[in-house]
C-alpha cells in the first residue's frame, strides 16, 4: 500500500486536500506559497494564475498573522474542486473583528482571486478569524 491510498476505514475523500499548520509567523509564509504554487501547477493553471494564487495566499496569511494571538497556530487548507483551488485559512485571535475589507491589502487580495470571504467565530477564550478564497483555472490556452 502506498502512502497515498486510504487506510482501512478511510474514505477516498479524506485525501482530497492538503492542510498546513504552522506558527503564525511571517517566516513560515514561504512554505505556504510553495504549496499553493505546487497545487496550482498540478492543476495546469497558467503562469499568471499560479502567481496570483501565490500572492493571494501570501496576503491572506499575512493578514491573519497580523491579527494572531501570541503563540497562535495558522492553518491553511487547500482543496481542489472542478478546476479550482479553494483555500481556507484561519488563526486564533484576541480580536472579534474581521480583517479590514477597505484596506489596500484586501483590495489586492480581492483582485487576485475569483472570490474571497472572511468571518470571525467565537472560541473558548478567543476568536478564530477566517479568510477563504477560490481561484479558478482559466483553462489551457490554444497556441
C-alpha atoms as a PDB file:
ATOM      1  CA  UNK A   1       0.000   0.000   0.000  1.00  0.00           C
ATOM      2  CA  UNK A   2       1.394   3.397  -0.926  1.00  0.00           C
ATOM      3  CA  UNK A   3       1.164   6.379   1.392  1.00  0.00           C
ATOM      4  CA  UNK A   4      -1.496   7.994  -0.827  1.00  0.00           C
ATOM      5  CA  UNK A   5      -4.009   5.161  -0.538  1.00  0.00           C
ATOM      6  CA  UNK A   6      -6.700   5.473   2.102  1.00  0.00           C
ATOM      7  CA  UNK A   7      -6.228   3.445   5.218  1.00  0.00           C
ATOM      8  CA  UNK A   8      -8.793   0.908   6.319  1.00  0.00           C
ATOM      9  CA  UNK A   9     -11.989   2.749   7.265  1.00  0.00           C
ATOM     10  CA  UNK A  10     -10.925   5.947   5.477  1.00  0.00           C
ATOM     11  CA  UNK A  11     -12.886   7.242   2.520  1.00  0.00           C
ATOM     12  CA  UNK A  12     -11.359   8.453  -0.725  1.00  0.00           C
ATOM     13  CA  UNK A  13     -12.498  11.994   0.124  1.00  0.00           C
ATOM     14  CA  UNK A  14     -10.144  12.003   3.111  1.00  0.00           C
ATOM     15  CA  UNK A  15      -7.290  12.569   0.647  1.00  0.00           C
ATOM     16  CA  UNK A  16      -8.725  15.388  -1.473  1.00  0.00           C
ATOM     17  CA  UNK A  17      -6.793  18.214   0.134  1.00  0.00           C
ATOM     18  CA  UNK A  18      -3.721  19.428   1.947  1.00  0.00           C
ATOM     19  CA  UNK A  19      -3.669  21.167   5.323  1.00  0.00           C
ATOM     20  CA  UNK A  20      -0.706  23.066   6.733  1.00  0.00           C
ATOM     21  CA  UNK A  21      -0.463  24.067  10.374  1.00  0.00           C
ATOM     22  CA  UNK A  22       2.377  26.309  11.468  1.00  0.00           C
ATOM     23  CA  UNK A  23       3.216  29.039  13.920  1.00  0.00           C
ATOM     24  CA  UNK A  24       1.641  32.350  12.938  1.00  0.00           C
ATOM     25  CA  UNK A  25       4.985  33.848  11.999  1.00  0.00           C
ATOM     26  CA  UNK A  26       5.977  35.624   8.756  1.00  0.00           C
ATOM     27  CA  UNK A  27       8.986  33.320   8.364  1.00  0.00           C
ATOM     28  CA  UNK A  28       6.533  30.495   7.551  1.00  0.00           C
ATOM     29  CA  UNK A  29       4.985  32.243   4.548  1.00  0.00           C
ATOM     30  CA  UNK A  30       7.423  30.768   2.024  1.00  0.00           C
ATOM     31  CA  UNK A  31       6.156  27.269   2.842  1.00  0.00           C
ATOM     32  CA  UNK A  32       2.523  28.244   2.237  1.00  0.00           C
ATOM     33  CA  UNK A  33       3.417  29.995  -1.036  1.00  0.00           C
ATOM     34  CA  UNK A  34       5.335  26.935  -2.242  1.00  0.00           C
ATOM     35  CA  UNK A  35       2.406  24.616  -1.518  1.00  0.00           C
ATOM     36  CA  UNK A  36      -0.041  26.976  -3.244  1.00  0.00           C
ATOM     37  CA  UNK A  37       2.170  27.137  -6.339  1.00  0.00           C
ATOM     38  CA  UNK A  38       2.651  23.369  -6.447  1.00  0.00           C
ATOM     39  CA  UNK A  39      -1.079  22.677  -6.216  1.00  0.00           C
ATOM     40  CA  UNK A  40      -1.864  25.255  -8.917  1.00  0.00           C
ATOM     41  CA  UNK A  41       0.826  23.791 -11.220  1.00  0.00           C
ATOM     42  CA  UNK A  42      -0.583  20.289 -10.752  1.00  0.00           C
ATOM     43  CA  UNK A  43      -3.994  21.655 -11.820  1.00  0.00           C
ATOM     44  CA  UNK A  44      -2.464  23.093 -15.013  1.00  0.00           C
ATOM     45  CA  UNK A  45      -3.042  26.721 -14.044  1.00  0.00           C
ATOM     46  CA  UNK A  46      -1.292  29.153 -16.385  1.00  0.00           C
ATOM     47  CA  UNK A  47       1.739  31.026 -15.031  1.00  0.00           C
ATOM     48  CA  UNK A  48      -0.187  34.223 -14.244  1.00  0.00           C
ATOM     49  CA  UNK A  49      -2.840  32.289 -12.307  1.00  0.00           C
ATOM     50  CA  UNK A  50      -0.152  30.433 -10.353  1.00  0.00           C
ATOM     51  CA  UNK A  51       1.427  33.748  -9.337  1.00  0.00           C
ATOM     52  CA  UNK A  52      -1.977  35.219  -8.491  1.00  0.00           C
ATOM     53  CA  UNK A  53      -2.746  32.282  -6.183  1.00  0.00           C
ATOM     54  CA  UNK A  54       0.670  32.507  -4.511  1.00  0.00           C
ATOM     55  CA  UNK A  55       0.259  36.230  -3.881  1.00  0.00           C
ATOM     56  CA  UNK A  56      -3.315  35.816  -2.652  1.00  0.00           C
ATOM     57  CA  UNK A  57      -2.371  33.065  -0.206  1.00  0.00           C
ATOM     58  CA  UNK A  58       0.557  35.180   0.989  1.00  0.00           C
ATOM     59  CA  UNK A  59      -1.717  38.192   1.537  1.00  0.00           C
ATOM     60  CA  UNK A  60      -4.398  36.154   3.335  1.00  0.00           C
ATOM     61  CA  UNK A  61      -1.848  34.522   5.642  1.00  0.00           C
ATOM     62  CA  UNK A  62      -0.012  37.809   6.256  1.00  0.00           C
ATOM     63  CA  UNK A  63      -3.295  39.443   7.199  1.00  0.00           C
ATOM     64  CA  UNK A  64      -4.108  36.656   9.638  1.00  0.00           C
ATOM     65  CA  UNK A  65      -0.599  36.734  11.128  1.00  0.00           C
ATOM     66  CA  UNK A  66      -1.071  40.429  11.876  1.00  0.00           C
ATOM     67  CA  UNK A  67      -4.263  39.552  13.803  1.00  0.00           C
ATOM     68  CA  UNK A  68      -2.921  36.436  15.532  1.00  0.00           C
ATOM     69  CA  UNK A  69      -2.863  35.935  19.274  1.00  0.00           C
ATOM     70  CA  UNK A  70       0.567  35.241  20.826  1.00  0.00           C
ATOM     71  CA  UNK A  71       1.771  31.690  20.064  1.00  0.00           C
ATOM     72  CA  UNK A  72      -1.183  31.126  17.682  1.00  0.00           C
ATOM     73  CA  UNK A  73      -1.233  28.442  15.017  1.00  0.00           C
ATOM     74  CA  UNK A  74      -2.002  29.438  11.430  1.00  0.00           C
ATOM     75  CA  UNK A  75      -3.894  26.849   9.403  1.00  0.00           C
ATOM     76  CA  UNK A  76      -4.153  26.768   5.610  1.00  0.00           C
ATOM     77  CA  UNK A  77      -6.251  24.106   3.922  1.00  0.00           C
ATOM     78  CA  UNK A  78      -6.125  23.586   0.150  1.00  0.00           C
ATOM     79  CA  UNK A  79      -8.845  21.660  -1.695  1.00  0.00           C
ATOM     80  CA  UNK A  80      -9.121  21.138  -5.460  1.00  0.00           C
ATOM     81  CA  UNK A  81     -12.674  21.124  -6.796  1.00  0.00           C
ATOM     82  CA  UNK A  82     -13.555  21.035 -10.510  1.00  0.00           C
ATOM     83  CA  UNK A  83     -10.677  23.128 -11.841  1.00  0.00           C
ATOM     84  CA  UNK A  84     -10.470  25.495  -8.906  1.00  0.00           C
ATOM     85  CA  UNK A  85      -8.328  25.688  -5.797  1.00  0.00           C
ATOM     86  CA  UNK A  86     -10.186  26.537  -2.611  1.00  0.00           C
ATOM     87  CA  UNK A  87      -8.038  27.824   0.243  1.00  0.00           C
ATOM     88  CA  UNK A  88      -9.334  28.137   3.803  1.00  0.00           C
ATOM     89  CA  UNK A  89      -7.079  29.928   6.263  1.00  0.00           C
ATOM     90  CA  UNK A  90      -7.645  30.609   9.947  1.00  0.00           C
ATOM     91  CA  UNK A  91      -5.884  31.766  13.085  1.00  0.00           C
ATOM     92  CA  UNK A  92      -6.740  32.314  16.728  1.00  0.00           C
ATOM     93  CA  UNK A  93      -7.053  35.984  17.656  1.00  0.00           C
ATOM     94  CA  UNK A  94      -7.935  38.142  20.611  1.00  0.00           C
ATOM     95  CA  UNK A  95      -9.862  40.478  18.289  1.00  0.00           C
ATOM     96  CA  UNK A  96     -13.523  39.921  17.474  1.00  0.00           C
ATOM     97  CA  UNK A  97     -13.430  41.909  14.236  1.00  0.00           C
ATOM     98  CA  UNK A  98     -12.617  40.537  10.776  1.00  0.00           C
ATOM     99  CA  UNK A  99      -9.842  41.970   8.600  1.00  0.00           C
ATOM    100  CA  UNK A 100     -10.447  45.461   7.221  1.00  0.00           C
ATOM    101  CA  UNK A 101     -12.175  44.999   3.862  1.00  0.00           C
ATOM    102  CA  UNK A 102     -11.333  48.587   2.899  1.00  0.00           C
ATOM    103  CA  UNK A 103      -7.576  48.138   3.260  1.00  0.00           C
ATOM    104  CA  UNK A 104      -5.180  48.111   0.322  1.00  0.00           C
ATOM    105  CA  UNK A 105      -4.203  44.514   1.116  1.00  0.00           C
ATOM    106  CA  UNK A 106      -7.820  43.355   0.972  1.00  0.00           C
ATOM    107  CA  UNK A 107      -8.327  45.104  -2.373  1.00  0.00           C
ATOM    108  CA  UNK A 108      -5.234  43.377  -3.761  1.00  0.00           C
ATOM    109  CA  UNK A 109      -6.449  40.042  -2.416  1.00  0.00           C
ATOM    110  CA  UNK A 110      -9.874  40.553  -3.977  1.00  0.00           C
ATOM    111  CA  UNK A 111      -8.319  41.358  -7.354  1.00  0.00           C
ATOM    112  CA  UNK A 112      -6.150  38.224  -7.381  1.00  0.00           C
ATOM    113  CA  UNK A 113      -8.858  35.588  -6.830  1.00  0.00           C
ATOM    114  CA  UNK A 114     -12.359  34.781  -8.031  1.00  0.00           C
ATOM    115  CA  UNK A 115     -13.900  35.026  -4.578  1.00  0.00           C
ATOM    116  CA  UNK A 116     -12.775  35.868  -1.059  1.00  0.00           C
ATOM    117  CA  UNK A 117     -14.684  35.874   2.222  1.00  0.00           C
ATOM    118  CA  UNK A 118     -13.837  36.478   5.839  1.00  0.00           C
ATOM    119  CA  UNK A 119     -15.574  35.921   9.139  1.00  0.00           C
ATOM    120  CA  UNK A 120     -14.901  35.555  12.851  1.00  0.00           C
ATOM    121  CA  UNK A 121     -16.063  32.638  15.001  1.00  0.00           C
ATOM    122  CA  UNK A 122     -16.041  32.789  18.804  1.00  0.00           C
ATOM    123  CA  UNK A 123     -13.868  30.231  20.587  1.00  0.00           C
ATOM    124  CA  UNK A 124     -13.371  29.440  24.287  1.00  0.00           C
ATOM    125  CA  UNK A 125     -11.338  32.476  25.386  1.00  0.00           C
ATOM    126  CA  UNK A 126     -10.616  33.987  21.984  1.00  0.00           C
ATOM    127  CA  UNK A 127     -11.853  34.230  18.410  1.00  0.00           C
ATOM    128  CA  UNK A 128     -10.981  32.367  15.229  1.00  0.00           C
ATOM    129  CA  UNK A 129     -10.521  34.631  12.212  1.00  0.00           C
ATOM    130  CA  UNK A 130     -11.071  33.009   8.805  1.00  0.00           C
ATOM    131  CA  UNK A 131     -10.204  34.047   5.264  1.00  0.00           C
ATOM    132  CA  UNK A 132     -11.378  31.746   2.464  1.00  0.00           C
ATOM    133  CA  UNK A 133     -10.578  32.203  -1.195  1.00  0.00           C
ATOM    134  CA  UNK A 134     -11.197  30.485  -4.509  1.00  0.00           C
ATOM    135  CA  UNK A 135      -9.045  30.680  -7.623  1.00  0.00           C
ATOM    136  CA  UNK A 136     -10.314  29.071 -10.815  1.00  0.00           C
ATOM    137  CA  UNK A 137      -8.144  27.900 -13.649  1.00  0.00           C
ATOM    138  CA  UNK A 138      -8.582  29.835 -16.857  1.00  0.00           C
ATOM    139  CA  UNK A 139      -8.064  26.603 -18.776  1.00  0.00           C
ATOM    140  CA  UNK A 140      -5.499  25.903 -21.412  1.00  0.00           C
ATOM    141  CA  UNK A 141      -4.518  28.473 -23.973  1.00  0.00           C
ATOM    142  CA  UNK A 142      -4.620  27.493 -27.658  1.00  0.00           C
ATOM    143  CA  UNK A 143      -1.353  28.111 -29.475  1.00  0.00           C
END
